[in-house]
Amino acid sequence: MMRWLTLYLRSRRVPVALATALGSTVVMWVLGSVVSDGPPGVTMVVLTVLLLVVALTATLGGPDEELDRTAALPWAPRRVTHLLAALAVVVGLPLLTHLTGTSFGPAWLVIRDAAGLLGLTALGAPLLGAGRAWFVPLGWTLAATVYPATGHLLGEILTWQSQAPGSTPAAVTAVLLAVGGLIAYAIAGPARRAPAETAL
C-alpha cells in the first residue's frame, strides 16, 4: 500500500506541488507583513488561496490519463480523496499563519474560496485537462478582485471570490462549484491529452 501511495504521489508531482504551495504561502505572508501592519485584506487572502490552488492543479492528472481509465482500480474514491487532501492543504497553509502576527483570515473566507476555486478547477480538469484546468479560476478570480461588486445578487455571485465572508450568495456559489467539481472530477477524471501534447 505504501509503495503504491509513494508511486502515485510521485507520478502526480505532489512533492513539487506541495513545495510550490508552501513557498507561495511564505512569499504572500512576507508581502502581507511588509505591506500592512494588520491582518492581510480580503484581496491578499483571495490571491493567496488562488496561488495554492494553481500550484496543486497539476496533481489532478498523471503522466498517462489513459492508464487511469484502463487500470483495474476504483478511481472515483481515489479522486475524491485527492481533492479533499488538496482542500486540506489549501485551507491549512493559510490558517497556519494564525500562529503568527500576520494571519490570513477569517477562516471562513479561506475555506469558502478554497472549496470554490478547487471545485472550479476540478470542473475544468475533465474539460480542459489537468494542465489547463487553472485557466478559468485564474481569469475569473483576477476579474473578481479587480472589479468587485456588492449590493446586488448577481454581482455577489459573479464576484463571489472577493465578497465578504458573510455573503450568502458567495457561499452558495462556492458550495455549488465545490460539489459540482467534486462529482465531475470523480466520475470523469482529467481530459485525455492530445498525442502531440503527451509526447512533450
N, C-alpha and C. Protein backbone atom coordinates (compact mmCIF):
# COMPACT_ATOMS: atom_id res chain seq x y z
N MET A 1 0.83 -1.20 0.00
CA MET A 1 0.00 0.00 0.00
C MET A 1 0.87 1.26 0.00
N MET A 2 1.90 1.28 0.87
CA MET A 2 2.78 2.44 0.94
C MET A 2 3.55 2.63 -0.36
N ARG A 3 3.94 1.51 -1.00
CA ARG A 3 4.65 1.62 -2.27
C ARG A 3 3.74 2.22 -3.34
N TRP A 4 2.47 1.79 -3.36
CA TRP A 4 1.53 2.33 -4.35
C TRP A 4 1.32 3.83 -4.09
N LEU A 5 1.18 4.20 -2.82
CA LEU A 5 0.95 5.60 -2.48
C LEU A 5 2.15 6.46 -2.89
N THR A 6 3.35 5.96 -2.63
CA THR A 6 4.55 6.70 -3.00
C THR A 6 4.63 6.91 -4.50
N LEU A 7 4.37 5.85 -5.26
CA LEU A 7 4.40 5.95 -6.72
C LEU A 7 3.32 6.90 -7.22
N TYR A 8 2.15 6.84 -6.60
CA TYR A 8 1.05 7.72 -7.00
C TYR A 8 1.41 9.18 -6.78
N LEU A 9 1.94 9.48 -5.59
CA LEU A 9 2.29 10.86 -5.26
C LEU A 9 3.38 11.39 -6.18
N ARG A 10 4.36 10.56 -6.50
CA ARG A 10 5.44 10.99 -7.38
C ARG A 10 4.94 11.17 -8.81
N SER A 11 4.06 10.27 -9.26
CA SER A 11 3.57 10.37 -10.64
C SER A 11 2.69 11.61 -10.82
N ARG A 12 2.04 12.04 -9.75
CA ARG A 12 1.20 13.25 -9.80
C ARG A 12 1.98 14.51 -9.44
N ARG A 13 3.27 14.41 -9.25
CA ARG A 13 4.13 15.55 -8.94
C ARG A 13 3.69 16.26 -7.65
N VAL A 14 3.21 15.48 -6.70
CA VAL A 14 2.72 16.06 -5.44
C VAL A 14 3.83 16.72 -4.62
N PRO A 15 5.02 16.10 -4.49
CA PRO A 15 6.07 16.77 -3.69
C PRO A 15 6.42 18.16 -4.23
N VAL A 16 6.54 18.29 -5.56
CA VAL A 16 6.87 19.59 -6.16
C VAL A 16 5.72 20.57 -5.92
N ALA A 17 4.48 20.10 -6.08
CA ALA A 17 3.32 20.96 -5.89
C ALA A 17 3.24 21.45 -4.44
N LEU A 18 3.50 20.57 -3.50
CA LEU A 18 3.46 20.96 -2.08
C LEU A 18 4.55 21.98 -1.77
N ALA A 19 5.74 21.77 -2.32
CA ALA A 19 6.83 22.73 -2.10
C ALA A 19 6.47 24.09 -2.70
N THR A 20 5.86 24.08 -3.88
CA THR A 20 5.44 25.34 -4.51
C THR A 20 4.37 26.03 -3.68
N ALA A 21 3.41 25.26 -3.18
CA ALA A 21 2.35 25.83 -2.37
C ALA A 21 2.90 26.43 -1.08
N LEU A 22 3.82 25.72 -0.45
CA LEU A 22 4.43 26.23 0.78
C LEU A 22 5.21 27.51 0.50
N GLY A 23 6.00 27.50 -0.59
CA GLY A 23 6.76 28.69 -0.95
C GLY A 23 5.86 29.87 -1.26
N SER A 24 4.75 29.62 -1.95
CA SER A 24 3.80 30.69 -2.28
C SER A 24 3.20 31.29 -1.02
N THR A 25 2.87 30.43 -0.06
CA THR A 25 2.31 30.91 1.20
C THR A 25 3.30 31.80 1.94
N VAL A 26 4.55 31.37 1.97
CA VAL A 26 5.59 32.15 2.67
C VAL A 26 5.77 33.51 2.00
N VAL A 27 5.82 33.51 0.66
CA VAL A 27 6.00 34.78 -0.07
C VAL A 27 4.85 35.73 0.22
N MET A 28 3.61 35.20 0.15
CA MET A 28 2.44 36.06 0.40
C MET A 28 2.40 36.52 1.85
N TRP A 29 2.84 35.66 2.76
CA TRP A 29 2.88 36.04 4.18
C TRP A 29 3.88 37.18 4.40
N VAL A 30 5.05 37.07 3.76
CA VAL A 30 6.06 38.12 3.87
C VAL A 30 5.53 39.42 3.28
N LEU A 31 4.90 39.34 2.10
CA LEU A 31 4.32 40.54 1.48
C LEU A 31 3.26 41.16 2.38
N GLY A 32 2.42 40.30 2.96
CA GLY A 32 1.40 40.80 3.87
C GLY A 32 1.98 41.47 5.09
N SER A 33 3.09 40.95 5.58
CA SER A 33 3.74 41.55 6.75
C SER A 33 4.35 42.90 6.41
N VAL A 34 4.90 43.02 5.20
CA VAL A 34 5.58 44.25 4.81
C VAL A 34 4.58 45.34 4.44
N VAL A 35 3.53 44.95 3.71
CA VAL A 35 2.59 45.93 3.17
C VAL A 35 1.69 46.52 4.25
N SER A 36 1.28 45.70 5.22
CA SER A 36 0.29 46.17 6.20
C SER A 36 0.72 45.81 7.61
N ASP A 37 0.36 46.69 8.54
CA ASP A 37 0.64 46.41 9.95
C ASP A 37 -0.37 45.43 10.55
N GLY A 38 -1.58 45.39 9.97
CA GLY A 38 -2.62 44.50 10.48
C GLY A 38 -2.73 43.25 9.63
N PRO A 39 -3.82 42.50 9.81
CA PRO A 39 -4.04 41.30 9.02
C PRO A 39 -4.20 41.64 7.54
N PRO A 40 -3.77 40.74 6.63
CA PRO A 40 -3.94 40.99 5.20
C PRO A 40 -5.40 41.16 4.85
N GLY A 41 -5.67 42.01 3.85
CA GLY A 41 -7.03 42.26 3.42
C GLY A 41 -7.60 41.09 2.63
N VAL A 42 -8.87 41.23 2.26
CA VAL A 42 -9.56 40.17 1.53
C VAL A 42 -8.84 39.84 0.23
N THR A 43 -8.38 40.85 -0.49
CA THR A 43 -7.72 40.61 -1.78
C THR A 43 -6.47 39.77 -1.61
N MET A 44 -5.67 40.05 -0.59
CA MET A 44 -4.46 39.27 -0.35
C MET A 44 -4.79 37.83 0.00
N VAL A 45 -5.84 37.64 0.78
CA VAL A 45 -6.26 36.27 1.14
C VAL A 45 -6.73 35.52 -0.09
N VAL A 46 -7.54 36.17 -0.92
CA VAL A 46 -8.07 35.52 -2.12
C VAL A 46 -6.94 35.14 -3.07
N LEU A 47 -5.98 36.03 -3.27
CA LEU A 47 -4.87 35.75 -4.18
C LEU A 47 -3.97 34.64 -3.63
N THR A 48 -3.82 34.58 -2.32
CA THR A 48 -3.03 33.50 -1.73
C THR A 48 -3.69 32.15 -1.97
N VAL A 49 -4.99 32.09 -1.72
CA VAL A 49 -5.73 30.84 -1.97
C VAL A 49 -5.64 30.46 -3.45
N LEU A 50 -5.76 31.44 -4.33
CA LEU A 50 -5.67 31.18 -5.77
C LEU A 50 -4.31 30.59 -6.13
N LEU A 51 -3.23 31.15 -5.60
CA LEU A 51 -1.90 30.63 -5.89
C LEU A 51 -1.76 29.18 -5.43
N LEU A 52 -2.31 28.85 -4.29
CA LEU A 52 -2.22 27.48 -3.79
C LEU A 52 -3.01 26.53 -4.67
N VAL A 53 -4.19 26.95 -5.11
CA VAL A 53 -4.99 26.11 -6.00
C VAL A 53 -4.26 25.87 -7.32
N VAL A 54 -3.68 26.93 -7.88
CA VAL A 54 -2.93 26.79 -9.14
C VAL A 54 -1.75 25.84 -8.95
N ALA A 55 -1.06 25.93 -7.82
CA ALA A 55 0.09 25.07 -7.57
C ALA A 55 -0.30 23.59 -7.51
N LEU A 56 -1.50 23.31 -7.00
CA LEU A 56 -1.92 21.92 -6.83
C LEU A 56 -2.68 21.38 -8.04
N THR A 57 -3.00 22.24 -9.01
CA THR A 57 -3.79 21.80 -10.16
C THR A 57 -3.09 20.70 -10.95
N ALA A 58 -1.78 20.80 -11.09
CA ALA A 58 -1.04 19.81 -11.87
C ALA A 58 -1.18 18.40 -11.31
N THR A 59 -1.50 18.28 -10.03
CA THR A 59 -1.61 16.94 -9.43
C THR A 59 -2.91 16.23 -9.79
N LEU A 60 -3.83 16.93 -10.46
CA LEU A 60 -5.11 16.31 -10.80
C LEU A 60 -4.99 15.30 -11.93
N GLY A 61 -3.88 15.30 -12.63
CA GLY A 61 -3.68 14.33 -13.70
C GLY A 61 -2.30 13.73 -13.62
N GLY A 62 -2.18 12.49 -14.10
CA GLY A 62 -0.89 11.83 -14.11
C GLY A 62 -0.24 11.95 -15.47
N PRO A 63 0.92 11.31 -15.65
CA PRO A 63 1.60 11.37 -16.94
C PRO A 63 0.86 10.64 -18.06
N ASP A 64 -0.05 9.74 -17.68
CA ASP A 64 -0.79 8.97 -18.69
C ASP A 64 -2.23 8.84 -18.23
N GLU A 65 -3.10 9.74 -18.72
CA GLU A 65 -4.50 9.70 -18.32
C GLU A 65 -5.19 8.42 -18.79
N GLU A 66 -4.70 7.86 -19.89
CA GLU A 66 -5.29 6.62 -20.41
C GLU A 66 -5.11 5.49 -19.41
N LEU A 67 -3.99 5.50 -18.70
CA LEU A 67 -3.71 4.47 -17.70
C LEU A 67 -4.74 4.52 -16.58
N ASP A 68 -5.15 5.73 -16.21
CA ASP A 68 -6.16 5.88 -15.16
C ASP A 68 -7.46 5.19 -15.55
N ARG A 69 -7.75 5.19 -16.83
CA ARG A 69 -9.02 4.63 -17.29
C ARG A 69 -8.96 3.12 -17.51
N THR A 70 -7.76 2.60 -17.74
CA THR A 70 -7.66 1.17 -18.02
C THR A 70 -7.27 0.35 -16.80
N ALA A 71 -6.67 1.00 -15.81
CA ALA A 71 -6.25 0.26 -14.62
C ALA A 71 -7.47 -0.27 -13.86
N ALA A 72 -7.31 -1.46 -13.31
CA ALA A 72 -8.43 -2.10 -12.60
C ALA A 72 -8.50 -1.59 -11.17
N LEU A 73 -8.74 -0.30 -11.04
CA LEU A 73 -8.84 0.33 -9.73
C LEU A 73 -10.09 1.20 -9.68
N PRO A 74 -10.72 1.29 -8.54
CA PRO A 74 -11.87 2.21 -8.40
C PRO A 74 -11.36 3.64 -8.28
N TRP A 75 -11.28 4.36 -9.39
CA TRP A 75 -10.65 5.67 -9.40
C TRP A 75 -11.49 6.74 -8.74
N ALA A 76 -12.80 6.62 -8.76
CA ALA A 76 -13.64 7.68 -8.20
C ALA A 76 -13.32 7.97 -6.72
N PRO A 77 -13.25 6.96 -5.85
CA PRO A 77 -12.90 7.26 -4.45
C PRO A 77 -11.51 7.87 -4.30
N ARG A 78 -10.59 7.44 -5.14
CA ARG A 78 -9.24 7.99 -5.07
C ARG A 78 -9.22 9.45 -5.49
N ARG A 79 -10.01 9.78 -6.50
CA ARG A 79 -10.07 11.17 -6.95
C ARG A 79 -10.72 12.06 -5.89
N VAL A 80 -11.76 11.55 -5.24
CA VAL A 80 -12.40 12.30 -4.16
C VAL A 80 -11.41 12.54 -3.03
N THR A 81 -10.67 11.50 -2.65
CA THR A 81 -9.67 11.62 -1.59
C THR A 81 -8.60 12.63 -1.97
N HIS A 82 -8.19 12.58 -3.23
CA HIS A 82 -7.17 13.51 -3.73
C HIS A 82 -7.65 14.96 -3.60
N LEU A 83 -8.88 15.23 -4.01
CA LEU A 83 -9.41 16.59 -3.92
C LEU A 83 -9.55 17.05 -2.47
N LEU A 84 -10.01 16.16 -1.61
CA LEU A 84 -10.16 16.52 -0.20
C LEU A 84 -8.81 16.80 0.44
N ALA A 85 -7.80 16.02 0.05
CA ALA A 85 -6.45 16.27 0.57
C ALA A 85 -5.93 17.62 0.07
N ALA A 86 -6.20 17.93 -1.21
CA ALA A 86 -5.80 19.23 -1.76
C ALA A 86 -6.50 20.36 -1.02
N LEU A 87 -7.78 20.17 -0.71
CA LEU A 87 -8.53 21.18 0.04
C LEU A 87 -7.90 21.40 1.42
N ALA A 88 -7.49 20.32 2.06
CA ALA A 88 -6.87 20.43 3.38
C ALA A 88 -5.58 21.24 3.30
N VAL A 89 -4.82 21.06 2.23
CA VAL A 89 -3.57 21.82 2.06
C VAL A 89 -3.87 23.30 1.81
N VAL A 90 -4.81 23.57 0.89
CA VAL A 90 -5.12 24.95 0.53
C VAL A 90 -5.72 25.70 1.71
N VAL A 91 -6.48 25.02 2.56
CA VAL A 91 -7.04 25.66 3.75
C VAL A 91 -6.01 25.72 4.87
N GLY A 92 -5.27 24.64 5.03
CA GLY A 92 -4.36 24.53 6.17
C GLY A 92 -3.19 25.50 6.15
N LEU A 93 -2.57 25.69 4.98
CA LEU A 93 -1.39 26.56 4.93
C LEU A 93 -1.72 28.01 5.31
N PRO A 94 -2.77 28.63 4.74
CA PRO A 94 -3.08 29.99 5.18
C PRO A 94 -3.48 30.07 6.65
N LEU A 95 -4.20 29.07 7.14
CA LEU A 95 -4.65 29.12 8.53
C LEU A 95 -3.50 28.92 9.51
N LEU A 96 -2.39 28.30 9.04
CA LEU A 96 -1.22 28.18 9.90
C LEU A 96 -0.64 29.54 10.26
N THR A 97 -0.92 30.53 9.42
CA THR A 97 -0.41 31.88 9.70
C THR A 97 -1.07 32.50 10.93
N HIS A 98 -2.15 31.88 11.42
CA HIS A 98 -2.80 32.39 12.63
C HIS A 98 -1.90 32.23 13.85
N LEU A 99 -0.84 31.44 13.69
CA LEU A 99 0.13 31.29 14.77
C LEU A 99 1.13 32.44 14.79
N THR A 100 1.03 33.33 13.81
CA THR A 100 1.95 34.46 13.70
C THR A 100 1.19 35.78 13.85
N GLY A 101 1.92 36.88 13.75
CA GLY A 101 1.29 38.20 13.86
C GLY A 101 0.55 38.62 12.61
N THR A 102 0.87 38.01 11.47
CA THR A 102 0.21 38.33 10.21
C THR A 102 -0.56 37.10 9.76
N SER A 103 -1.87 37.12 9.99
CA SER A 103 -2.67 35.92 9.74
C SER A 103 -3.63 36.13 8.58
N PHE A 104 -3.76 35.11 7.74
CA PHE A 104 -4.72 35.13 6.64
C PHE A 104 -6.07 34.64 7.16
N GLY A 105 -7.06 35.46 7.03
CA GLY A 105 -8.36 35.08 7.53
C GLY A 105 -9.40 36.12 7.18
N PRO A 106 -10.60 35.99 7.68
CA PRO A 106 -11.05 34.97 8.62
C PRO A 106 -11.09 33.57 8.01
N ALA A 107 -11.20 32.59 8.88
CA ALA A 107 -11.11 31.19 8.45
C ALA A 107 -12.18 30.85 7.42
N TRP A 108 -13.41 31.38 7.60
CA TRP A 108 -14.49 31.03 6.67
C TRP A 108 -14.20 31.54 5.27
N LEU A 109 -13.55 32.69 5.14
CA LEU A 109 -13.19 33.21 3.83
C LEU A 109 -12.21 32.27 3.13
N VAL A 110 -11.22 31.79 3.87
CA VAL A 110 -10.24 30.86 3.31
C VAL A 110 -10.92 29.56 2.88
N ILE A 111 -11.78 29.03 3.75
CA ILE A 111 -12.47 27.76 3.44
C ILE A 111 -13.38 27.92 2.24
N ARG A 112 -14.16 29.01 2.21
CA ARG A 112 -15.09 29.23 1.10
C ARG A 112 -14.37 29.33 -0.23
N ASP A 113 -13.34 30.16 -0.29
CA ASP A 113 -12.64 30.37 -1.56
C ASP A 113 -11.84 29.13 -1.96
N ALA A 114 -11.26 28.45 -0.98
CA ALA A 114 -10.51 27.22 -1.30
C ALA A 114 -11.43 26.17 -1.89
N ALA A 115 -12.59 25.97 -1.27
CA ALA A 115 -13.53 24.96 -1.77
C ALA A 115 -14.07 25.34 -3.15
N GLY A 116 -14.45 26.61 -3.32
CA GLY A 116 -15.00 27.04 -4.60
C GLY A 116 -13.99 27.01 -5.73
N LEU A 117 -12.77 27.49 -5.47
CA LEU A 117 -11.75 27.52 -6.52
C LEU A 117 -11.25 26.12 -6.87
N LEU A 118 -11.12 25.27 -5.87
CA LEU A 118 -10.74 23.88 -6.16
C LEU A 118 -11.84 23.18 -6.95
N GLY A 119 -13.10 23.46 -6.58
CA GLY A 119 -14.21 22.88 -7.33
C GLY A 119 -14.23 23.35 -8.77
N LEU A 120 -13.96 24.64 -8.97
CA LEU A 120 -13.91 25.19 -10.32
C LEU A 120 -12.78 24.57 -11.12
N THR A 121 -11.64 24.36 -10.48
CA THR A 121 -10.51 23.71 -11.14
C THR A 121 -10.85 22.26 -11.48
N ALA A 122 -11.52 21.58 -10.55
CA ALA A 122 -11.91 20.20 -10.79
C ALA A 122 -12.92 20.09 -11.92
N LEU A 123 -13.78 21.10 -12.06
CA LEU A 123 -14.69 21.14 -13.20
C LEU A 123 -13.93 21.31 -14.51
N GLY A 124 -12.85 22.07 -14.46
CA GLY A 124 -12.07 22.31 -15.66
C GLY A 124 -11.23 21.12 -16.10
N ALA A 125 -10.84 20.27 -15.14
CA ALA A 125 -9.96 19.14 -15.48
C ALA A 125 -10.58 18.19 -16.52
N PRO A 126 -11.84 17.77 -16.38
CA PRO A 126 -12.41 16.89 -17.41
C PRO A 126 -12.63 17.59 -18.75
N LEU A 127 -12.72 18.92 -18.74
CA LEU A 127 -12.99 19.65 -19.98
C LEU A 127 -11.70 20.12 -20.66
N LEU A 128 -10.77 20.63 -19.88
CA LEU A 128 -9.55 21.23 -20.44
C LEU A 128 -8.30 20.40 -20.18
N GLY A 129 -8.39 19.43 -19.29
CA GLY A 129 -7.21 18.68 -18.89
C GLY A 129 -6.58 19.30 -17.66
N ALA A 130 -5.81 18.49 -16.92
CA ALA A 130 -5.21 18.98 -15.68
C ALA A 130 -4.22 20.12 -15.93
N GLY A 131 -3.55 20.10 -17.08
CA GLY A 131 -2.56 21.13 -17.37
C GLY A 131 -3.15 22.51 -17.60
N ARG A 132 -4.43 22.57 -17.97
CA ARG A 132 -5.06 23.85 -18.27
C ARG A 132 -6.24 24.17 -17.34
N ALA A 133 -6.49 23.31 -16.38
CA ALA A 133 -7.68 23.47 -15.53
C ALA A 133 -7.63 24.74 -14.69
N TRP A 134 -6.45 25.31 -14.49
CA TRP A 134 -6.32 26.52 -13.66
C TRP A 134 -6.63 27.79 -14.42
N PHE A 135 -6.80 27.72 -15.73
CA PHE A 135 -7.04 28.93 -16.51
C PHE A 135 -8.30 29.69 -16.05
N VAL A 136 -9.40 28.95 -15.92
CA VAL A 136 -10.68 29.59 -15.57
C VAL A 136 -10.65 30.17 -14.16
N PRO A 137 -10.19 29.43 -13.13
CA PRO A 137 -10.11 30.05 -11.80
C PRO A 137 -9.22 31.29 -11.77
N LEU A 138 -8.11 31.25 -12.49
CA LEU A 138 -7.21 32.41 -12.51
C LEU A 138 -7.90 33.63 -13.14
N GLY A 139 -8.45 33.45 -14.33
CA GLY A 139 -9.09 34.56 -15.01
C GLY A 139 -10.28 35.11 -14.24
N TRP A 140 -11.12 34.23 -13.75
CA TRP A 140 -12.32 34.65 -13.03
C TRP A 140 -11.95 35.39 -11.74
N THR A 141 -10.97 34.86 -11.01
CA THR A 141 -10.62 35.46 -9.73
C THR A 141 -9.95 36.81 -9.91
N LEU A 142 -9.08 36.93 -10.90
CA LEU A 142 -8.44 38.22 -11.14
C LEU A 142 -9.48 39.27 -11.53
N ALA A 143 -10.44 38.88 -12.36
CA ALA A 143 -11.51 39.81 -12.73
C ALA A 143 -12.35 40.19 -11.51
N ALA A 144 -12.61 39.22 -10.64
CA ALA A 144 -13.44 39.48 -9.46
C ALA A 144 -12.73 40.39 -8.46
N THR A 145 -11.41 40.29 -8.37
CA THR A 145 -10.69 41.15 -7.43
C THR A 145 -10.49 42.56 -7.99
N VAL A 146 -10.38 42.67 -9.32
CA VAL A 146 -10.20 43.99 -9.94
C VAL A 146 -11.53 44.74 -10.00
N TYR A 147 -12.61 44.01 -10.29
CA TYR A 147 -13.93 44.63 -10.43
C TYR A 147 -14.92 44.01 -9.44
N PRO A 148 -14.72 44.19 -8.15
CA PRO A 148 -15.66 43.62 -7.17
C PRO A 148 -17.01 44.31 -7.24
N ALA A 149 -18.04 43.55 -6.95
CA ALA A 149 -19.39 44.12 -6.98
C ALA A 149 -20.12 43.69 -5.72
N THR A 150 -20.74 44.63 -5.05
CA THR A 150 -21.52 44.33 -3.85
C THR A 150 -22.85 45.04 -3.93
N GLY A 151 -23.78 44.56 -3.12
CA GLY A 151 -25.06 45.25 -3.02
C GLY A 151 -26.15 44.69 -3.89
N HIS A 152 -25.81 43.82 -4.84
CA HIS A 152 -26.87 43.18 -5.63
C HIS A 152 -26.49 41.72 -5.87
N LEU A 153 -27.50 40.90 -6.02
CA LEU A 153 -27.33 39.45 -6.04
C LEU A 153 -26.40 38.99 -7.14
N LEU A 154 -26.64 39.41 -8.37
CA LEU A 154 -25.84 38.94 -9.50
C LEU A 154 -24.37 39.33 -9.33
N GLY A 155 -24.13 40.54 -8.85
CA GLY A 155 -22.76 40.99 -8.64
C GLY A 155 -22.04 40.14 -7.61
N GLU A 156 -22.73 39.79 -6.53
CA GLU A 156 -22.10 38.97 -5.49
C GLU A 156 -21.85 37.55 -5.97
N ILE A 157 -22.68 37.06 -6.87
CA ILE A 157 -22.47 35.73 -7.44
C ILE A 157 -21.27 35.73 -8.39
N LEU A 158 -21.22 36.74 -9.26
CA LEU A 158 -20.16 36.80 -10.26
C LEU A 158 -18.79 37.10 -9.65
N THR A 159 -18.78 37.79 -8.53
CA THR A 159 -17.50 38.11 -7.87
C THR A 159 -17.45 37.45 -6.49
N TRP A 160 -17.91 36.23 -6.41
CA TRP A 160 -18.03 35.52 -5.13
C TRP A 160 -16.69 35.40 -4.41
N GLN A 161 -15.60 35.29 -5.15
CA GLN A 161 -14.30 35.09 -4.50
C GLN A 161 -13.91 36.27 -3.62
N SER A 162 -14.27 37.48 -4.03
CA SER A 162 -13.82 38.68 -3.33
C SER A 162 -14.87 39.26 -2.37
N GLN A 163 -15.96 38.53 -2.19
CA GLN A 163 -17.01 39.03 -1.29
C GLN A 163 -16.62 38.82 0.17
N ALA A 164 -17.25 39.59 1.03
CA ALA A 164 -17.01 39.45 2.47
C ALA A 164 -17.43 38.06 2.93
N PRO A 165 -16.84 37.56 4.01
CA PRO A 165 -17.15 36.20 4.49
C PRO A 165 -18.64 35.98 4.76
N GLY A 166 -19.37 37.02 5.11
CA GLY A 166 -20.79 36.85 5.44
C GLY A 166 -21.72 36.83 4.25
N SER A 167 -21.21 36.90 3.03
CA SER A 167 -22.07 36.94 1.84
C SER A 167 -22.69 35.57 1.57
N THR A 168 -24.01 35.48 1.65
CA THR A 168 -24.70 34.21 1.38
C THR A 168 -24.62 33.82 -0.09
N PRO A 169 -24.84 34.73 -1.06
CA PRO A 169 -24.70 34.34 -2.47
C PRO A 169 -23.31 33.81 -2.80
N ALA A 170 -22.28 34.41 -2.22
CA ALA A 170 -20.92 33.94 -2.46
C ALA A 170 -20.72 32.54 -1.89
N ALA A 171 -21.26 32.30 -0.71
CA ALA A 171 -21.12 30.98 -0.07
C ALA A 171 -21.85 29.91 -0.88
N VAL A 172 -23.06 30.22 -1.33
CA VAL A 172 -23.84 29.25 -2.12
C VAL A 172 -23.12 28.94 -3.43
N THR A 173 -22.59 29.98 -4.09
CA THR A 173 -21.86 29.78 -5.34
C THR A 173 -20.65 28.89 -5.13
N ALA A 174 -19.90 29.14 -4.06
CA ALA A 174 -18.72 28.33 -3.77
C ALA A 174 -19.09 26.88 -3.50
N VAL A 175 -20.16 26.67 -2.75
CA VAL A 175 -20.60 25.29 -2.45
C VAL A 175 -21.02 24.57 -3.73
N LEU A 176 -21.76 25.24 -4.60
CA LEU A 176 -22.19 24.62 -5.85
C LEU A 176 -21.00 24.26 -6.73
N LEU A 177 -20.02 25.14 -6.81
CA LEU A 177 -18.82 24.86 -7.59
C LEU A 177 -18.04 23.70 -6.98
N ALA A 178 -17.94 23.70 -5.64
CA ALA A 178 -17.19 22.64 -4.97
C ALA A 178 -17.84 21.27 -5.20
N VAL A 179 -19.14 21.20 -5.02
CA VAL A 179 -19.85 19.91 -5.19
C VAL A 179 -19.83 19.48 -6.65
N GLY A 180 -20.10 20.44 -7.56
CA GLY A 180 -20.08 20.11 -8.98
C GLY A 180 -18.73 19.64 -9.44
N GLY A 181 -17.67 20.31 -9.00
CA GLY A 181 -16.32 19.90 -9.38
C GLY A 181 -15.95 18.55 -8.82
N LEU A 182 -16.32 18.30 -7.57
CA LEU A 182 -16.02 17.01 -6.95
C LEU A 182 -16.68 15.87 -7.71
N ILE A 183 -17.94 16.04 -8.07
CA ILE A 183 -18.67 14.99 -8.79
C ILE A 183 -18.10 14.79 -10.19
N ALA A 184 -17.88 15.90 -10.90
CA ALA A 184 -17.38 15.82 -12.28
C ALA A 184 -16.01 15.17 -12.33
N TYR A 185 -15.10 15.59 -11.45
CA TYR A 185 -13.75 15.04 -11.48
C TYR A 185 -13.73 13.58 -11.02
N ALA A 186 -14.54 13.26 -10.01
CA ALA A 186 -14.58 11.88 -9.52
C ALA A 186 -15.06 10.92 -10.59
N ILE A 187 -16.05 11.34 -11.35
CA ILE A 187 -16.63 10.45 -12.36
C ILE A 187 -15.80 10.42 -13.64
N ALA A 188 -15.40 11.61 -14.12
CA ALA A 188 -14.77 11.68 -15.45
C ALA A 188 -13.24 11.68 -15.39
N GLY A 189 -12.66 12.21 -14.33
CA GLY A 189 -11.22 12.34 -14.30
C GLY A 189 -10.74 13.41 -15.26
N PRO A 190 -9.42 13.58 -15.39
CA PRO A 190 -8.90 14.61 -16.29
C PRO A 190 -9.11 14.24 -17.75
N ALA A 191 -9.23 15.25 -18.61
CA ALA A 191 -9.41 15.01 -20.03
C ALA A 191 -8.15 14.39 -20.62
N ARG A 192 -8.34 13.58 -21.64
CA ARG A 192 -7.21 13.00 -22.35
C ARG A 192 -6.43 14.09 -23.07
N ARG A 193 -5.11 13.97 -23.03
CA ARG A 193 -4.28 14.90 -23.78
C ARG A 193 -4.10 14.42 -25.21
N ALA A 194 -3.90 15.38 -26.10
CA ALA A 194 -3.64 15.04 -27.49
C ALA A 194 -2.30 14.32 -27.59
N PRO A 195 -2.11 13.41 -28.57
CA PRO A 195 -0.85 12.68 -28.71
C PRO A 195 0.37 13.59 -28.76
N ALA A 196 0.27 14.71 -29.50
CA ALA A 196 1.41 15.63 -29.60
C ALA A 196 1.75 16.23 -28.25
N GLU A 197 0.73 16.55 -27.44
CA GLU A 197 0.96 17.13 -26.11
C GLU A 197 1.57 16.11 -25.19
N THR A 198 1.13 14.84 -25.29
CA THR A 198 1.68 13.77 -24.46
C THR A 198 3.14 13.55 -24.77
N ALA A 199 3.51 13.67 -26.04
CA ALA A 199 4.89 13.46 -26.45
C ALA A 199 5.83 14.49 -25.84
N LEU A 200 5.30 15.70 -25.62
CA LEU A 200 6.11 16.74 -24.99
C LEU A 200 6.35 16.44 -23.52
